[in-house]
Amino acid sequence: MKIAVCVKRVPDTGTRIRIADDGRSLSSDGVKFVLNPYDEFAVEAALQLAEAGVADSVTLLTLGPEEAKETLRHGLALGAHDAVLLRGETTMDGWATAQALAAELARREDGLVLLGAKAVDDDQQQVGPMVAGVLGRPCVTSVTEVEVADSVATCRRAVEGGQEVVEVDLPAVATVTKGRYEPRYASLRGIMMAKRKPIAEKEAAQVAPGLVVEAIEYPPERQPGRIVGSGTEAVGELVRLLREEEGVV
């Protein structure tokens, strides 16, 4: 069985984000880009399945610019066998992204397609289920553990007060979240080997986005706090301010 893992290049969560001059996008100047942290869980799940002899190969797939090859190299250094870069523009439209990924996946013969449960930059949590819908395959979301046997994937999901177990026939799609799969570090040997692993480059399917960002704004600055007194003597004044000025009491 082959496994494909769809990954995304995202800004490092510790990076200071600035709005670009057009007011509709984010500036990439000085921004460090990394492999989406949730996708790291999916990569780790695929690698563990390969190490267990369940999968013959793990292929990384991403939609993005030429610079996304650096993200793919990181995944290859972790242990993935090869990668595919779909050259195209990434947008906030998850449906357009899903269709571009599904167009490539439909030409492949992967028994299992894994994605991170969400991307840290847009937090939409919808690309995985949309990919499954386009491909006509079953989908399990927010999976913490997956096992494969006899063309059936057994997925475990954390739910309030317990654990949910879902079985789906392969081929299938699953989105992976934090749980059993703690991402590994790339070894020096893995980094060196990644330089020789193949990255296929293809033009992404042209899908016109149906969602357009009109404007991005910084959140309003927080107003400075006010000290209305101390001890129990301040309670009356605090209640008055909350009622008359803030309208919350």
Protein backbone atom coordinates (compact mmCIF):
# COMPACT_ATOMS: atom_id res chain seq x y z
CA MET A 1 0.00 0.00 0.00
CA LYS A 2 1.09 3.53 -0.71
CA ILE A 3 0.38 6.50 1.54
CA ALA A 4 0.16 10.13 0.45
CA VAL A 5 0.45 12.93 3.00
CA CYS A 6 -0.81 16.37 2.01
CA VAL A 7 1.23 19.06 3.74
CA LYS A 8 1.25 22.84 3.81
CA ARG A 9 3.91 25.53 4.08
CA VAL A 10 2.85 27.97 6.82
CA PRO A 11 4.43 30.86 8.74
CA ASP A 12 6.21 29.83 11.93
CA THR A 13 3.84 30.38 14.86
CA GLY A 14 6.53 32.46 16.56
CA THR A 15 6.86 34.83 13.60
CA ARG A 16 5.59 38.39 13.87
CA ILE A 17 2.93 38.76 11.19
CA ARG A 18 2.55 42.01 9.27
CA ILE A 19 -0.15 43.05 6.81
CA ALA A 20 1.09 43.71 3.27
CA ASP A 21 0.71 47.07 1.57
CA ASP A 22 -2.33 45.87 -0.39
CA GLY A 23 -4.27 45.44 2.87
CA ARG A 24 -5.56 42.06 1.72
CA SER A 25 -2.62 39.73 2.34
CA LEU A 26 0.22 39.13 4.76
CA SER A 27 3.76 40.31 4.10
CA SER A 28 6.29 37.51 3.65
CA ASP A 29 9.29 39.77 4.33
CA GLY A 30 11.35 38.30 7.14
CA VAL A 31 8.83 35.52 7.76
CA LYS A 32 10.13 32.05 8.51
CA PHE A 33 8.04 29.30 6.90
CA VAL A 34 7.76 25.78 8.31
CA LEU A 35 5.91 22.53 7.81
CA ASN A 36 2.45 22.93 9.30
CA PRO A 37 2.66 21.45 12.84
CA TYR A 38 -0.53 19.40 12.42
CA ASP A 39 0.83 17.97 9.18
CA GLU A 40 3.84 16.76 11.16
CA PHE A 41 1.46 14.46 13.06
CA ALA A 42 0.19 13.09 9.75
CA VAL A 43 3.75 12.56 8.46
CA GLU A 44 4.68 10.73 11.65
CA ALA A 45 1.60 8.49 11.38
CA ALA A 46 2.52 7.59 7.79
CA LEU A 47 6.13 6.88 8.70
CA GLN A 48 5.12 4.61 11.57
CA LEU A 49 2.80 2.67 9.26
CA ALA A 50 5.66 2.29 6.77
CA GLU A 51 8.04 1.14 9.49
CA ALA A 52 5.47 -1.43 10.60
CA GLY A 53 5.44 -2.87 7.08
CA VAL A 54 1.91 -1.67 6.33
CA ALA A 55 2.96 0.80 3.63
CA ASP A 56 5.56 0.48 0.90
CA SER A 57 6.09 4.20 0.42
CA VAL A 58 5.17 7.60 1.81
CA THR A 59 4.76 10.48 -0.65
CA LEU A 60 4.42 14.11 0.38
CA LEU A 61 2.14 16.36 -1.65
CA THR A 62 1.83 20.11 -1.41
CA LEU A 63 0.29 23.01 -3.31
CA GLY A 64 2.36 26.17 -3.36
CA PRO A 65 5.20 28.21 -4.82
CA GLU A 66 8.71 27.06 -5.65
CA GLU A 67 9.78 27.93 -2.11
CA ALA A 68 7.55 25.12 -0.79
CA LYS A 69 10.24 22.65 -1.88
CA GLU A 70 12.10 23.56 1.32
CA THR A 71 9.10 22.35 3.32
CA LEU A 72 9.03 19.13 1.32
CA ARG A 73 12.76 18.61 1.93
CA HIS A 74 12.10 18.76 5.65
CA GLY A 75 9.47 16.04 5.34
CA LEU A 76 11.83 13.95 3.24
CA ALA A 77 14.51 14.36 5.90
CA LEU A 78 12.10 12.89 8.43
CA GLY A 79 11.82 9.74 6.32
CA ALA A 80 9.28 10.22 3.51
CA HIS A 81 10.33 8.52 0.28
CA ASP A 82 9.45 11.16 -2.34
CA ALA A 83 7.39 14.29 -2.84
CA VAL A 84 5.25 16.17 -5.35
CA LEU A 85 5.08 19.96 -5.63
CA LEU A 86 1.95 21.27 -7.32
CA ARG A 87 3.00 24.71 -8.44
CA GLY A 88 0.15 27.11 -7.87
CA GLU A 89 -1.16 29.95 -5.75
CA THR A 90 -2.48 29.14 -2.31
CA THR A 91 -5.52 31.08 -1.19
CA MET A 92 -7.93 31.13 1.74
CA ASP A 93 -10.38 29.11 -0.35
CA GLY A 94 -10.15 25.58 1.05
CA TRP A 95 -12.42 24.26 -1.70
CA ALA A 96 -10.02 25.42 -4.43
CA THR A 97 -7.09 23.84 -2.55
CA ALA A 98 -8.98 20.58 -2.09
CA GLN A 99 -9.83 20.35 -5.78
CA ALA A 100 -6.20 20.95 -6.81
CA LEU A 101 -4.95 18.26 -4.41
CA ALA A 102 -7.70 15.82 -5.39
CA ALA A 103 -6.92 16.23 -9.09
CA GLU A 104 -3.41 14.90 -8.45
CA LEU A 105 -4.50 12.24 -5.94
CA ALA A 106 -7.05 10.87 -8.41
CA ARG A 107 -4.17 9.96 -10.72
CA ARG A 108 -2.38 8.07 -7.98
CA GLU A 109 -3.09 4.74 -6.30
CA ASP A 110 -2.67 5.59 -2.64
CA GLY A 111 -4.57 3.36 -0.26
CA LEU A 112 -4.53 6.03 2.43
CA VAL A 113 -4.35 9.82 2.22
CA LEU A 114 -3.41 11.66 5.40
CA LEU A 115 -3.57 15.36 6.23
CA GLY A 116 -3.17 17.42 9.36
CA ALA A 117 -6.44 18.14 11.13
CA LYS A 118 -6.00 21.82 10.29
CA ALA A 119 -3.46 24.43 9.23
CA VAL A 120 -2.26 26.88 11.85
CA ASP A 121 -2.52 29.86 9.49
CA ASP A 122 -6.20 29.62 8.52
CA ASP A 123 -7.61 27.05 11.03
CA GLN A 124 -10.34 25.98 8.59
CA GLN A 125 -10.28 22.20 9.21
CA GLN A 126 -12.05 21.57 5.92
CA VAL A 127 -9.53 20.63 3.22
CA GLY A 128 -9.28 16.98 4.30
CA PRO A 129 -13.03 16.25 4.21
CA MET A 130 -13.33 18.19 0.95
CA VAL A 131 -10.56 16.12 -0.66
CA ALA A 132 -12.37 12.96 0.43
CA GLY A 133 -15.62 14.29 -0.98
CA VAL A 134 -14.10 15.06 -4.37
CA LEU A 135 -12.45 11.63 -4.50
CA GLY A 136 -15.59 9.86 -3.26
CA ARG A 137 -13.74 8.19 -0.39
CA PRO A 138 -14.64 7.76 3.29
CA CYS A 139 -13.06 10.26 5.68
CA VAL A 140 -12.30 10.25 9.40
CA THR A 141 -11.28 13.54 11.02
CA SER A 142 -9.18 14.44 14.07
CA VAL A 143 -7.64 10.98 14.31
CA THR A 144 -5.20 10.31 17.15
CA GLU A 145 -4.22 6.81 16.04
CA VAL A 146 -4.70 4.72 12.91
CA GLU A 147 -4.12 1.03 12.22
CA VAL A 148 -4.43 -0.75 8.87
CA ALA A 149 -5.19 -4.43 8.32
CA ASP A 150 -7.00 -6.37 5.59
CA SER A 151 -7.82 -3.23 3.56
CA VAL A 152 -9.53 -1.64 6.56
CA ALA A 153 -8.31 1.41 8.49
CA THR A 154 -9.21 1.52 12.17
CA CYS A 155 -9.11 5.10 13.40
CA ARG A 156 -9.32 6.30 16.98
CA ARG A 157 -10.67 9.74 17.85
CA ALA A 158 -10.63 11.44 21.24
CA VAL A 159 -14.12 12.49 22.28
CA GLU A 160 -15.42 13.96 25.51
CA GLY A 161 -15.27 11.32 28.21
CA GLY A 162 -13.76 8.58 26.07
CA GLN A 163 -12.56 7.39 22.71
CA GLU A 164 -14.38 6.79 19.44
CA VAL A 165 -13.29 3.97 17.12
CA VAL A 166 -14.18 4.25 13.42
CA GLU A 167 -13.47 1.61 10.77
CA VAL A 168 -13.38 2.54 7.08
CA ASP A 169 -12.60 0.56 3.95
CA LEU A 170 -9.57 1.60 1.95
CA PRO A 171 -8.88 3.72 -0.01
CA ALA A 172 -9.74 6.38 2.53
CA VAL A 173 -8.79 9.83 3.82
CA ALA A 174 -7.97 10.76 7.42
CA THR A 175 -6.94 13.96 9.15
CA VAL A 176 -4.55 13.55 12.06
CA THR A 177 -4.27 15.56 15.26
CA LYS A 178 -2.12 15.47 18.37
CA GLY A 179 -2.19 12.13 20.14
CA ARG A 180 -0.03 9.10 19.67
CA TYR A 181 2.11 10.59 16.92
CA GLU A 182 4.85 12.75 18.42
CA PRO A 183 6.82 14.21 15.48
CA ARG A 184 10.40 12.98 15.23
CA TYR A 185 13.47 15.10 14.65
CA ALA A 186 15.34 14.91 11.37
CA SER A 187 18.69 13.17 11.78
CA LEU A 188 21.85 14.38 10.05
CA ARG A 189 21.73 11.26 7.89
CA GLY A 190 18.11 11.97 7.02
CA ILE A 191 18.93 15.55 6.05
CA MET A 192 21.72 14.40 3.76
CA MET A 193 19.57 11.69 2.18
CA ALA A 194 16.73 14.17 1.60
CA LYS A 195 18.92 16.06 -0.85
CA ARG A 196 18.89 13.03 -3.16
CA LYS A 197 15.23 12.10 -2.83
CA PRO A 198 13.05 13.06 -5.81
CA ILE A 199 10.62 15.96 -5.82
CA ALA A 200 8.34 15.91 -8.85
CA GLU A 201 7.12 19.34 -9.96
CA LYS A 202 3.80 19.73 -11.74
CA GLU A 203 1.46 22.55 -12.56
CA ALA A 204 -1.53 22.50 -10.24
CA ALA A 205 -5.02 22.16 -11.67
CA GLN A 206 -6.41 25.62 -12.32
CA VAL A 207 -9.32 26.20 -9.97
CA ALA A 208 -10.77 29.69 -9.65
CA PRO A 209 -11.20 30.52 -5.94
CA GLY A 210 -14.73 31.24 -4.86
CA LEU A 211 -13.59 33.01 -1.70
CA VAL A 212 -11.76 36.32 -1.91
CA VAL A 213 -10.21 38.22 0.99
CA GLU A 214 -11.31 41.86 0.75
CA ALA A 215 -9.36 43.25 3.72
CA ILE A 216 -7.22 42.28 6.70
CA GLU A 217 -7.03 44.47 9.80
CA TYR A 218 -5.06 44.36 13.00
CA PRO A 219 -7.15 43.83 16.13
CA PRO A 220 -7.94 47.05 18.03
CA GLU A 221 -5.44 48.04 20.66
CA ARG A 222 -6.41 47.08 24.18
CA GLN A 223 -7.39 50.07 26.29
CA PRO A 224 -5.36 50.66 29.46
CA GLY A 225 -6.82 49.37 32.68
CA ARG A 226 -8.37 51.56 35.38
CA ILE A 227 -7.96 51.33 39.12
CA VAL A 228 -11.19 52.32 40.84
CA GLY A 229 -10.04 51.79 44.40
CA SER A 230 -8.95 49.07 46.77
CA GLY A 231 -10.65 46.63 49.06
CA THR A 232 -14.39 46.30 49.56
CA GLU A 233 -14.84 50.09 49.33
CA ALA A 234 -14.20 49.86 45.56
CA VAL A 235 -17.00 47.36 44.87
CA GLY A 236 -19.75 49.96 44.60
CA GLU A 237 -17.81 52.09 42.13
CA LEU A 238 -16.83 49.02 40.09
CA VAL A 239 -20.45 47.91 39.81
CA ARG A 240 -21.52 51.43 38.81
CA LEU A 241 -18.91 51.57 36.04
CA LEU A 242 -19.85 48.13 34.74
CA ARG A 243 -23.53 49.09 34.69
CA GLU A 244 -23.44 52.68 33.46
CA GLU A 245 -20.37 52.76 31.21
CA GLU A 246 -19.92 49.19 29.99
CA GLY A 247 -23.54 48.03 30.15
CA VAL A 248 -22.62 44.54 31.28
CA VAL A 249 -24.44 44.47 34.64
